[in-house]
Each structure stands twice: as C-alpha cells, then as structure tokens.
Amino acid sequence: MKRSEFRASLAERFDPRYAQALLHDLVLPGLGSRTATDALEAGEDPQRVWDALVIELRLPEDARFPHRSGDTPRH
C-alpha cells in the first residue's frame, strides 16, 4: 500500500472528522503504542499502519486490502 492509497482508503471508509481523530488520537499497540500519524512520520509502512487500524478497530478481514478490492464500505 502506498501512502496515497492509505489516505484514499481512510477517506473512503471513514467520515473525514473520524478519520482525522483515528490518525492523530488512536494509540495503536501493534505499532509500539504510537498513533498512525506518528508511525507514518517515523517511516512505518502504510500497509502495516492500515493493518494495525483494522486490528484495533476490529474491522472485518476484507478491510485489510481496500486498495486492491476497489470496494471500501464505510465503517
């Protein structure tokens, strides 16, 4: 997943305000207890950040690769 695909997937799945809160406020244990923003800024792979969001938010398995499916239902 590219950063642009990460941003597009986030925008398609979540309301913009909620997406921003997830990026900046949600601490992700799978990423060393960092936020998605902190992890991305530290150079973490966007797919790994997306996977951590999917796990923490308990999204269905099909949410792991929205950029490949072309179908990103809203949460």
C-alpha atoms as a PDB file:
ATOM      1  CA  MET A   1       0.000   0.000   0.000  1.00  0.00           C
ATOM      2  CA  LYS A   2       1.282   3.423  -0.946  1.00  0.00           C
ATOM      3  CA  ARG A   3       0.724   6.472   1.259  1.00  0.00           C
ATOM      4  CA  SER A   4      -1.726   7.830  -1.311  1.00  0.00           C
ATOM      5  CA  GLU A   5      -3.680   4.547  -1.182  1.00  0.00           C
ATOM      6  CA  PHE A   6      -3.641   4.694   2.620  1.00  0.00           C
ATOM      7  CA  ARG A   7      -5.125   8.200   2.578  1.00  0.00           C
ATOM      8  CA  ALA A   8      -7.707   7.255  -0.063  1.00  0.00           C
ATOM      9  CA  SER A   9      -8.738   4.128   1.851  1.00  0.00           C
ATOM     10  CA  LEU A  10      -9.092   6.099   5.064  1.00  0.00           C
ATOM     11  CA  ALA A  11     -11.194   8.769   3.346  1.00  0.00           C
ATOM     12  CA  GLU A  12     -13.442   6.201   1.680  1.00  0.00           C
ATOM     13  CA  ARG A  13     -14.028   4.103   4.791  1.00  0.00           C
ATOM     14  CA  PHE A  14     -14.490   6.783   7.454  1.00  0.00           C
ATOM     15  CA  ASP A  15     -16.095  10.168   7.881  1.00  0.00           C
ATOM     16  CA  PRO A  16     -13.346  12.803   7.455  1.00  0.00           C
ATOM     17  CA  ARG A  17     -13.503  14.033  11.063  1.00  0.00           C
ATOM     18  CA  TYR A  18     -13.420  10.494  12.427  1.00  0.00           C
ATOM     19  CA  ALA A  19     -10.541   9.623  10.116  1.00  0.00           C
ATOM     20  CA  GLN A  20      -8.523  12.558  11.444  1.00  0.00           C
ATOM     21  CA  ALA A  21      -9.220  11.514  15.024  1.00  0.00           C
ATOM     22  CA  LEU A  22      -8.102   7.963  14.218  1.00  0.00           C
ATOM     23  CA  LEU A  23      -4.868   9.218  12.689  1.00  0.00           C
ATOM     24  CA  HIS A  24      -3.951  11.628  15.454  1.00  0.00           C
ATOM     25  CA  ASP A  25      -5.547  10.275  18.630  1.00  0.00           C
ATOM     26  CA  LEU A  26      -5.875   6.486  18.479  1.00  0.00           C
ATOM     27  CA  VAL A  27      -2.842   4.779  20.028  1.00  0.00           C
ATOM     28  CA  LEU A  28      -2.090   1.539  18.204  1.00  0.00           C
ATOM     29  CA  PRO A  29      -0.479  -1.181  20.346  1.00  0.00           C
ATOM     30  CA  GLY A  30       0.609  -3.019  17.206  1.00  0.00           C
ATOM     31  CA  LEU A  31       2.802  -0.066  16.275  1.00  0.00           C
ATOM     32  CA  GLY A  32       4.630   0.335  19.550  1.00  0.00           C
ATOM     33  CA  SER A  33       1.820   2.353  21.133  1.00  0.00           C
ATOM     34  CA  ARG A  34       2.141   5.149  18.582  1.00  0.00           C
ATOM     35  CA  THR A  35      -0.581   6.884  16.642  1.00  0.00           C
ATOM     36  CA  ALA A  36      -0.931   6.242  12.932  1.00  0.00           C
ATOM     37  CA  THR A  37       0.429   9.721  12.251  1.00  0.00           C
ATOM     38  CA  ASP A  38       3.482   9.138  14.431  1.00  0.00           C
ATOM     39  CA  ALA A  39       4.122   5.756  12.849  1.00  0.00           C
ATOM     40  CA  LEU A  40       3.857   7.096   9.295  1.00  0.00           C
ATOM     41  CA  GLU A  41       6.106  10.042  10.117  1.00  0.00           C
ATOM     42  CA  ALA A  42       8.662   7.590  11.521  1.00  0.00           C
ATOM     43  CA  GLY A  43       8.682   5.776   8.172  1.00  0.00           C
ATOM     44  CA  GLU A  44       6.411   2.850   9.012  1.00  0.00           C
ATOM     45  CA  ASP A  45       4.986   1.021   6.005  1.00  0.00           C
ATOM     46  CA  PRO A  46       1.457   2.337   5.282  1.00  0.00           C
ATOM     47  CA  GLN A  47       0.117  -1.233   4.923  1.00  0.00           C
ATOM     48  CA  ARG A  48       1.394  -2.069   8.406  1.00  0.00           C
ATOM     49  CA  VAL A  49      -0.282   1.062   9.787  1.00  0.00           C
ATOM     50  CA  TRP A  50      -3.521   0.178   7.988  1.00  0.00           C
ATOM     51  CA  ASP A  51      -3.362  -3.382   9.348  1.00  0.00           C
ATOM     52  CA  ALA A  52      -2.914  -2.014  12.885  1.00  0.00           C
ATOM     53  CA  LEU A  53      -6.013   0.163  12.415  1.00  0.00           C
ATOM     54  CA  VAL A  54      -8.005  -2.813  11.094  1.00  0.00           C
ATOM     55  CA  ILE A  55      -6.998  -4.899  14.115  1.00  0.00           C
ATOM     56  CA  GLU A  56      -7.585  -2.183  16.714  1.00  0.00           C
ATOM     57  CA  LEU A  57     -10.967  -1.219  15.259  1.00  0.00           C
ATOM     58  CA  ARG A  58     -11.935  -4.885  14.810  1.00  0.00           C
ATOM     59  CA  LEU A  59     -12.817  -4.377  11.178  1.00  0.00           C
ATOM     60  CA  PRO A  60     -13.566  -7.436   9.048  1.00  0.00           C
ATOM     61  CA  GLU A  61     -10.687  -9.233   7.361  1.00  0.00           C
ATOM     62  CA  ASP A  62     -11.769  -7.950   3.949  1.00  0.00           C
ATOM     63  CA  ALA A  63     -10.878  -4.431   5.143  1.00  0.00           C
ATOM     64  CA  ARG A  64      -7.155  -5.276   5.049  1.00  0.00           C
ATOM     65  CA  PHE A  65      -6.653  -4.564   1.346  1.00  0.00           C
ATOM     66  CA  PRO A  66      -9.259  -1.984   0.237  1.00  0.00           C
ATOM     67  CA  HIS A  67      -6.897  -0.508  -2.342  1.00  0.00           C
ATOM     68  CA  ARG A  68      -6.873  -3.857  -4.142  1.00  0.00           C
ATOM     69  CA  SER A  69     -10.570  -4.673  -3.988  1.00  0.00           C
ATOM     70  CA  GLY A  70     -11.969  -1.407  -5.286  1.00  0.00           C
ATOM     71  CA  ASP A  71     -14.675  -1.712  -2.643  1.00  0.00           C
ATOM     72  CA  THR A  72     -14.271   0.245   0.583  1.00  0.00           C
ATOM     73  CA  PRO A  73     -17.504   0.242   2.557  1.00  0.00           C
ATOM     74  CA  ARG A  74     -17.893   2.880   5.252  1.00  0.00           C
ATOM     75  CA  HIS A  75     -17.478   1.850   8.892  1.00  0.00           C
END
